[in-house]
Amino acid sequence: MKPFELDSSMMTMGGVFYPTGHIFLMFPTLDQARNAGKALVDEGFSADSMSLLTPDVIQGKITRTVGNADIPLPSAGTEADTVRVYADLASDGHHGLLVEASKAEDSDRAMEVLKDSGYSQAKKYRQLVIQDME
């Protein structure tokens, strides 16, 4: 898996985490997240299309993108609320796995591989829609 790098392509115009074309999953343990990544690689996904995120990385890089997202008015979208859920899970020790899956068939295949992986949260970031993958 490649190291996680937050860049502007993973954020909304307002600066909130929104990695279009990716699935973001959270797992209660590091081993579950690593095993999920390995299962995807075993099924043909590229290791370079995934990043493992520790709770510290989620809290330090992802959570801070919310910043002042609701000022002066609350956002019409759910991206800030979704990041807050990630922050809560990370504060309980959950790890993240970010998987490139821009095509619907890639998302479907990834979720089929991971259906029994024990993820606590799975979201697909599509253009203008955050899709629950559960």
N, C-alpha and C. Protein backbone atom coordinates (compact mmCIF):
# COMPACT_ATOMS: atom_id res chain seq x y z
N MET A 1 0.85 -1.18 0.00
CA MET A 1 0.00 0.00 0.00
C MET A 1 0.89 1.23 0.00
N LYS A 2 0.41 2.24 -0.65
CA LYS A 2 1.20 3.48 -0.70
C LYS A 2 0.89 4.35 0.52
N PRO A 3 1.82 5.19 0.91
CA PRO A 3 1.56 6.11 2.01
C PRO A 3 0.43 7.07 1.64
N PHE A 4 -0.37 7.44 2.62
CA PHE A 4 -1.47 8.36 2.38
C PHE A 4 -0.94 9.77 2.21
N GLU A 5 -1.36 10.41 1.14
CA GLU A 5 -1.02 11.81 0.89
C GLU A 5 -2.32 12.55 0.59
N LEU A 6 -2.68 13.47 1.45
CA LEU A 6 -3.87 14.29 1.23
C LEU A 6 -3.50 15.40 0.26
N ASP A 7 -4.22 15.48 -0.86
CA ASP A 7 -3.97 16.57 -1.80
C ASP A 7 -5.29 17.22 -2.18
N SER A 8 -5.21 18.29 -2.92
CA SER A 8 -6.40 19.09 -3.24
C SER A 8 -7.43 18.31 -4.04
N SER A 9 -7.02 17.26 -4.76
CA SER A 9 -7.99 16.47 -5.53
C SER A 9 -8.89 15.64 -4.62
N MET A 10 -8.54 15.55 -3.35
CA MET A 10 -9.33 14.77 -2.39
C MET A 10 -10.19 15.67 -1.51
N MET A 11 -10.40 16.90 -1.93
CA MET A 11 -11.17 17.83 -1.10
C MET A 11 -12.19 18.59 -1.94
N THR A 12 -13.23 19.03 -1.25
CA THR A 12 -14.23 19.88 -1.89
C THR A 12 -13.63 21.26 -2.10
N MET A 13 -14.36 22.11 -2.80
CA MET A 13 -13.90 23.49 -2.97
C MET A 13 -13.77 24.18 -1.63
N GLY A 14 -14.54 23.74 -0.64
CA GLY A 14 -14.46 24.30 0.69
C GLY A 14 -13.36 23.69 1.54
N GLY A 15 -12.64 22.70 0.98
CA GLY A 15 -11.50 22.12 1.67
C GLY A 15 -11.79 20.91 2.54
N VAL A 16 -13.00 20.33 2.43
CA VAL A 16 -13.37 19.16 3.24
C VAL A 16 -13.00 17.89 2.48
N PHE A 17 -12.54 16.88 3.21
CA PHE A 17 -12.16 15.58 2.64
C PHE A 17 -13.30 15.02 1.80
N TYR A 18 -13.01 14.75 0.52
CA TYR A 18 -13.99 14.21 -0.41
C TYR A 18 -13.23 13.57 -1.58
N PRO A 19 -12.70 12.36 -1.39
CA PRO A 19 -11.87 11.72 -2.41
C PRO A 19 -12.71 11.04 -3.51
N THR A 20 -13.18 11.82 -4.45
CA THR A 20 -14.02 11.30 -5.52
C THR A 20 -13.33 10.11 -6.21
N GLY A 21 -14.12 9.07 -6.46
CA GLY A 21 -13.59 7.88 -7.13
C GLY A 21 -12.90 6.91 -6.19
N HIS A 22 -13.12 7.07 -4.90
CA HIS A 22 -12.51 6.19 -3.91
C HIS A 22 -13.57 5.63 -2.96
N ILE A 23 -13.24 4.50 -2.36
CA ILE A 23 -14.00 3.97 -1.23
C ILE A 23 -13.14 4.20 0.00
N PHE A 24 -13.76 4.71 1.06
CA PHE A 24 -13.06 4.87 2.32
C PHE A 24 -13.73 3.96 3.33
N LEU A 25 -12.95 3.01 3.84
CA LEU A 25 -13.45 2.04 4.81
C LEU A 25 -12.73 2.25 6.13
N MET A 26 -13.43 1.96 7.21
CA MET A 26 -12.81 2.00 8.53
C MET A 26 -13.00 0.65 9.19
N PHE A 27 -11.96 0.26 9.94
CA PHE A 27 -11.91 -1.04 10.59
C PHE A 27 -11.56 -0.87 12.07
N PRO A 28 -12.13 -1.68 12.93
CA PRO A 28 -11.83 -1.57 14.36
C PRO A 28 -10.37 -1.80 14.72
N THR A 29 -9.64 -2.60 13.91
CA THR A 29 -8.25 -2.89 14.25
C THR A 29 -7.34 -2.70 13.04
N LEU A 30 -6.07 -2.51 13.34
CA LEU A 30 -5.05 -2.40 12.30
C LEU A 30 -4.97 -3.69 11.49
N ASP A 31 -5.02 -4.83 12.16
CA ASP A 31 -4.93 -6.11 11.45
C ASP A 31 -6.08 -6.28 10.46
N GLN A 32 -7.27 -5.88 10.83
CA GLN A 32 -8.41 -6.00 9.91
C GLN A 32 -8.19 -5.12 8.68
N ALA A 33 -7.69 -3.91 8.88
CA ALA A 33 -7.44 -3.01 7.75
C ALA A 33 -6.35 -3.59 6.84
N ARG A 34 -5.28 -4.08 7.43
CA ARG A 34 -4.20 -4.69 6.64
C ARG A 34 -4.69 -5.92 5.88
N ASN A 35 -5.46 -6.76 6.57
CA ASN A 35 -5.99 -7.96 5.93
C ASN A 35 -6.92 -7.62 4.78
N ALA A 36 -7.69 -6.56 4.93
CA ALA A 36 -8.58 -6.12 3.85
C ALA A 36 -7.76 -5.68 2.64
N GLY A 37 -6.72 -4.92 2.88
CA GLY A 37 -5.85 -4.51 1.78
C GLY A 37 -5.22 -5.70 1.09
N LYS A 38 -4.76 -6.67 1.86
CA LYS A 38 -4.16 -7.88 1.30
C LYS A 38 -5.18 -8.67 0.48
N ALA A 39 -6.41 -8.76 0.99
CA ALA A 39 -7.46 -9.48 0.26
C ALA A 39 -7.73 -8.82 -1.09
N LEU A 40 -7.73 -7.49 -1.11
CA LEU A 40 -7.95 -6.78 -2.37
C LEU A 40 -6.80 -7.03 -3.35
N VAL A 41 -5.57 -6.99 -2.85
CA VAL A 41 -4.41 -7.26 -3.71
C VAL A 41 -4.50 -8.68 -4.25
N ASP A 42 -4.87 -9.63 -3.40
CA ASP A 42 -5.01 -11.03 -3.83
C ASP A 42 -6.06 -11.19 -4.92
N GLU A 43 -7.01 -10.26 -4.98
CA GLU A 43 -8.07 -10.31 -6.00
C GLU A 43 -7.78 -9.39 -7.18
N GLY A 44 -6.55 -8.91 -7.28
CA GLY A 44 -6.16 -8.17 -8.47
C GLY A 44 -6.11 -6.65 -8.36
N PHE A 45 -6.46 -6.11 -7.21
CA PHE A 45 -6.32 -4.66 -7.02
C PHE A 45 -4.85 -4.34 -6.82
N SER A 46 -4.43 -3.21 -7.31
CA SER A 46 -3.04 -2.79 -7.16
C SER A 46 -2.80 -2.26 -5.75
N ALA A 47 -1.70 -2.66 -5.15
CA ALA A 47 -1.34 -2.14 -3.83
C ALA A 47 -1.16 -0.62 -3.89
N ASP A 48 -0.75 -0.11 -5.05
CA ASP A 48 -0.56 1.33 -5.21
C ASP A 48 -1.87 2.09 -5.33
N SER A 49 -2.99 1.37 -5.37
CA SER A 49 -4.30 2.03 -5.44
C SER A 49 -4.94 2.15 -4.07
N MET A 50 -4.16 1.81 -3.02
CA MET A 50 -4.69 1.81 -1.65
C MET A 50 -3.74 2.51 -0.70
N SER A 51 -4.34 3.10 0.33
CA SER A 51 -3.56 3.69 1.42
C SER A 51 -4.17 3.27 2.74
N LEU A 52 -3.31 2.92 3.68
CA LEU A 52 -3.72 2.59 5.04
C LEU A 52 -3.57 3.84 5.89
N LEU A 53 -4.60 4.16 6.66
CA LEU A 53 -4.57 5.36 7.51
C LEU A 53 -4.71 4.96 8.97
N THR A 54 -3.77 5.36 9.77
CA THR A 54 -3.84 5.12 11.21
C THR A 54 -4.82 6.12 11.84
N PRO A 55 -5.25 5.85 13.06
CA PRO A 55 -6.11 6.83 13.74
C PRO A 55 -5.44 8.21 13.83
N ASP A 56 -4.13 8.24 14.05
CA ASP A 56 -3.43 9.53 14.13
C ASP A 56 -3.48 10.29 12.81
N VAL A 57 -3.33 9.58 11.71
CA VAL A 57 -3.39 10.22 10.39
C VAL A 57 -4.80 10.74 10.13
N ILE A 58 -5.80 9.93 10.48
CA ILE A 58 -7.19 10.37 10.28
C ILE A 58 -7.45 11.63 11.10
N GLN A 59 -7.03 11.61 12.36
CA GLN A 59 -7.25 12.78 13.23
C GLN A 59 -6.43 13.98 12.77
N GLY A 60 -5.21 13.74 12.32
CA GLY A 60 -4.33 14.84 11.97
C GLY A 60 -4.53 15.42 10.59
N LYS A 61 -4.94 14.59 9.62
CA LYS A 61 -5.07 15.08 8.25
C LYS A 61 -6.51 15.17 7.77
N ILE A 62 -7.31 14.13 8.04
CA ILE A 62 -8.68 14.10 7.53
C ILE A 62 -9.60 14.99 8.37
N THR A 63 -9.56 14.80 9.67
CA THR A 63 -10.47 15.53 10.56
C THR A 63 -10.28 17.04 10.45
N ARG A 64 -9.06 17.47 10.33
CA ARG A 64 -8.84 18.92 10.28
C ARG A 64 -9.38 19.57 9.01
N THR A 65 -9.75 18.76 7.98
CA THR A 65 -10.32 19.36 6.78
C THR A 65 -11.71 19.93 7.02
N VAL A 66 -12.36 19.50 8.10
CA VAL A 66 -13.69 20.05 8.41
C VAL A 66 -13.56 21.52 8.78
N GLY A 67 -12.55 21.84 9.61
CA GLY A 67 -12.27 23.22 9.97
C GLY A 67 -13.51 24.05 10.20
N ASN A 68 -13.70 25.03 9.37
CA ASN A 68 -14.85 25.93 9.47
C ASN A 68 -15.87 25.66 8.37
N ALA A 69 -16.04 24.39 8.02
CA ALA A 69 -16.92 24.01 6.90
C ALA A 69 -18.34 24.51 7.07
N ASP A 70 -18.80 24.68 8.29
CA ASP A 70 -20.18 25.08 8.52
C ASP A 70 -20.33 26.58 8.78
N ILE A 71 -19.27 27.34 8.55
CA ILE A 71 -19.32 28.79 8.79
C ILE A 71 -19.25 29.49 7.45
N PRO A 72 -20.08 30.44 7.13
CA PRO A 72 -21.08 31.04 7.98
C PRO A 72 -22.39 30.28 8.03
N LEU A 73 -22.62 29.36 7.08
CA LEU A 73 -23.86 28.59 7.06
C LEU A 73 -23.54 27.10 7.02
N PRO A 74 -24.40 26.26 7.57
CA PRO A 74 -24.17 24.82 7.48
C PRO A 74 -24.11 24.38 6.02
N SER A 75 -23.27 23.39 5.75
CA SER A 75 -23.13 22.85 4.41
C SER A 75 -24.41 22.15 3.98
N ALA A 76 -24.72 22.25 2.70
CA ALA A 76 -25.89 21.54 2.17
C ALA A 76 -25.59 20.05 2.03
N GLY A 77 -24.31 19.68 1.98
CA GLY A 77 -23.91 18.29 1.82
C GLY A 77 -23.65 17.62 3.15
N THR A 78 -23.21 16.38 3.06
CA THR A 78 -22.95 15.59 4.27
C THR A 78 -21.47 15.35 4.49
N GLU A 79 -20.61 15.94 3.67
CA GLU A 79 -19.19 15.62 3.75
C GLU A 79 -18.57 15.94 5.11
N ALA A 80 -18.94 17.08 5.71
CA ALA A 80 -18.38 17.43 7.02
C ALA A 80 -18.88 16.46 8.10
N ASP A 81 -20.15 16.11 8.06
CA ASP A 81 -20.69 15.16 9.03
C ASP A 81 -20.04 13.78 8.87
N THR A 82 -19.77 13.39 7.64
CA THR A 82 -19.13 12.10 7.39
C THR A 82 -17.72 12.09 7.98
N VAL A 83 -16.99 13.18 7.80
CA VAL A 83 -15.64 13.27 8.37
C VAL A 83 -15.71 13.22 9.90
N ARG A 84 -16.74 13.82 10.48
CA ARG A 84 -16.88 13.77 11.94
C ARG A 84 -17.10 12.34 12.43
N VAL A 85 -17.81 11.54 11.66
CA VAL A 85 -17.99 10.12 12.00
C VAL A 85 -16.63 9.42 11.97
N TYR A 86 -15.83 9.70 10.93
CA TYR A 86 -14.49 9.12 10.86
C TYR A 86 -13.67 9.53 12.08
N ALA A 87 -13.78 10.78 12.48
CA ALA A 87 -13.03 11.28 13.64
C ALA A 87 -13.43 10.52 14.91
N ASP A 88 -14.73 10.31 15.08
CA ASP A 88 -15.20 9.56 16.25
C ASP A 88 -14.67 8.13 16.25
N LEU A 89 -14.72 7.49 15.09
CA LEU A 89 -14.21 6.13 15.00
C LEU A 89 -12.70 6.08 15.23
N ALA A 90 -11.98 7.03 14.68
CA ALA A 90 -10.53 7.08 14.88
C ALA A 90 -10.18 7.30 16.34
N SER A 91 -10.99 8.09 17.03
CA SER A 91 -10.72 8.32 18.46
C SER A 91 -10.93 7.03 19.27
N ASP A 92 -11.67 6.08 18.70
CA ASP A 92 -11.84 4.76 19.33
C ASP A 92 -10.83 3.74 18.81
N GLY A 93 -9.86 4.20 18.02
CA GLY A 93 -8.80 3.32 17.54
C GLY A 93 -9.00 2.69 16.18
N HIS A 94 -10.05 3.09 15.46
CA HIS A 94 -10.30 2.51 14.14
C HIS A 94 -9.28 3.02 13.12
N HIS A 95 -8.94 2.15 12.18
CA HIS A 95 -8.00 2.46 11.09
C HIS A 95 -8.78 2.59 9.78
N GLY A 96 -8.21 3.33 8.84
CA GLY A 96 -8.88 3.54 7.57
C GLY A 96 -8.14 2.87 6.42
N LEU A 97 -8.88 2.56 5.37
CA LEU A 97 -8.33 2.04 4.13
C LEU A 97 -8.99 2.82 3.00
N LEU A 98 -8.18 3.54 2.23
CA LEU A 98 -8.67 4.31 1.10
C LEU A 98 -8.33 3.54 -0.17
N VAL A 99 -9.35 3.22 -0.96
CA VAL A 99 -9.18 2.36 -2.14
C VAL A 99 -9.68 3.11 -3.38
N GLU A 100 -8.81 3.23 -4.38
CA GLU A 100 -9.24 3.81 -5.65
C GLU A 100 -10.22 2.84 -6.30
N ALA A 101 -11.39 3.37 -6.67
CA ALA A 101 -12.42 2.55 -7.32
C ALA A 101 -13.35 3.47 -8.09
N SER A 102 -12.84 4.04 -9.16
CA SER A 102 -13.63 5.03 -9.89
C SER A 102 -14.77 4.41 -10.69
N LYS A 103 -14.61 3.17 -11.09
CA LYS A 103 -15.66 2.50 -11.87
C LYS A 103 -16.58 1.73 -10.93
N ALA A 104 -17.86 1.68 -11.28
CA ALA A 104 -18.84 0.97 -10.46
C ALA A 104 -18.47 -0.50 -10.29
N GLU A 105 -17.95 -1.12 -11.36
CA GLU A 105 -17.60 -2.54 -11.24
C GLU A 105 -16.43 -2.75 -10.28
N ASP A 106 -15.52 -1.76 -10.19
CA ASP A 106 -14.42 -1.86 -9.22
C ASP A 106 -14.96 -1.77 -7.79
N SER A 107 -15.89 -0.85 -7.58
CA SER A 107 -16.50 -0.70 -6.25
C SER A 107 -17.25 -1.97 -5.86
N ASP A 108 -18.04 -2.48 -6.79
CA ASP A 108 -18.81 -3.69 -6.50
C ASP A 108 -17.88 -4.87 -6.19
N ARG A 109 -16.82 -5.01 -6.97
CA ARG A 109 -15.88 -6.11 -6.76
C ARG A 109 -15.16 -5.96 -5.42
N ALA A 110 -14.74 -4.74 -5.10
CA ALA A 110 -14.07 -4.50 -3.81
C ALA A 110 -14.98 -4.84 -2.65
N MET A 111 -16.22 -4.41 -2.73
CA MET A 111 -17.14 -4.67 -1.62
C MET A 111 -17.50 -6.15 -1.52
N GLU A 112 -17.51 -6.84 -2.64
CA GLU A 112 -17.74 -8.29 -2.59
C GLU A 112 -16.58 -8.98 -1.87
N VAL A 113 -15.35 -8.57 -2.19
CA VAL A 113 -14.17 -9.14 -1.55
C VAL A 113 -14.18 -8.84 -0.05
N LEU A 114 -14.64 -7.65 0.33
CA LEU A 114 -14.56 -7.20 1.72
C LEU A 114 -15.83 -7.40 2.54
N LYS A 115 -16.81 -8.10 1.98
CA LYS A 115 -18.10 -8.22 2.66
C LYS A 115 -18.01 -8.82 4.06
N ASP A 116 -17.04 -9.68 4.30
CA ASP A 116 -16.89 -10.31 5.62
C ASP A 116 -15.63 -9.84 6.35
N SER A 117 -15.13 -8.67 5.99
CA SER A 117 -13.85 -8.19 6.54
C SER A 117 -14.00 -7.48 7.89
N GLY A 118 -15.22 -7.22 8.31
CA GLY A 118 -15.43 -6.59 9.61
C GLY A 118 -15.33 -5.08 9.61
N TYR A 119 -15.49 -4.45 8.46
CA TYR A 119 -15.41 -2.99 8.43
C TYR A 119 -16.53 -2.37 9.24
N SER A 120 -16.24 -1.22 9.81
CA SER A 120 -17.24 -0.52 10.62
C SER A 120 -17.93 0.58 9.82
N GLN A 121 -17.32 0.99 8.73
CA GLN A 121 -17.84 2.08 7.90
C GLN A 121 -17.29 1.89 6.49
N ALA A 122 -18.12 2.11 5.49
CA ALA A 122 -17.67 2.04 4.10
C ALA A 122 -18.46 3.05 3.28
N LYS A 123 -17.75 3.98 2.66
CA LYS A 123 -18.37 5.03 1.85
C LYS A 123 -17.68 5.12 0.51
N LYS A 124 -18.46 5.22 -0.55
CA LYS A 124 -17.94 5.44 -1.90
C LYS A 124 -18.19 6.91 -2.23
N TYR A 125 -17.13 7.60 -2.59
CA TYR A 125 -17.23 9.02 -2.96
C TYR A 125 -17.40 9.12 -4.46
N ARG A 126 -18.61 9.46 -4.86
CA ARG A 126 -18.91 9.69 -6.27
C ARG A 126 -19.08 11.19 -6.48
N GLN A 127 -19.14 11.59 -7.70
CA GLN A 127 -19.36 13.01 -8.01
C GLN A 127 -20.66 13.45 -7.36
N LEU A 128 -20.58 14.34 -6.38
CA LEU A 128 -21.72 14.95 -5.69
C LEU A 128 -22.51 14.00 -4.80
N VAL A 129 -22.06 12.74 -4.59
CA VAL A 129 -22.80 11.79 -3.76
C VAL A 129 -21.81 10.96 -2.92
N ILE A 130 -22.10 10.86 -1.64
CA ILE A 130 -21.37 9.92 -0.79
C ILE A 130 -22.30 8.73 -0.59
N GLN A 131 -21.92 7.60 -1.13
CA GLN A 131 -22.76 6.40 -1.13
C GLN A 131 -22.37 5.46 -0.01
N ASP A 132 -23.34 5.06 0.81
CA ASP A 132 -23.09 4.02 1.80
C ASP A 132 -22.86 2.71 1.07
N MET A 133 -21.82 2.01 1.43
CA MET A 133 -21.50 0.75 0.77
C MET A 133 -21.82 -0.44 1.67
N GLU A 134 -22.59 -0.21 2.69
CA GLU A 134 -22.90 -1.27 3.66
C GLU A 134 -24.14 -2.03 3.29
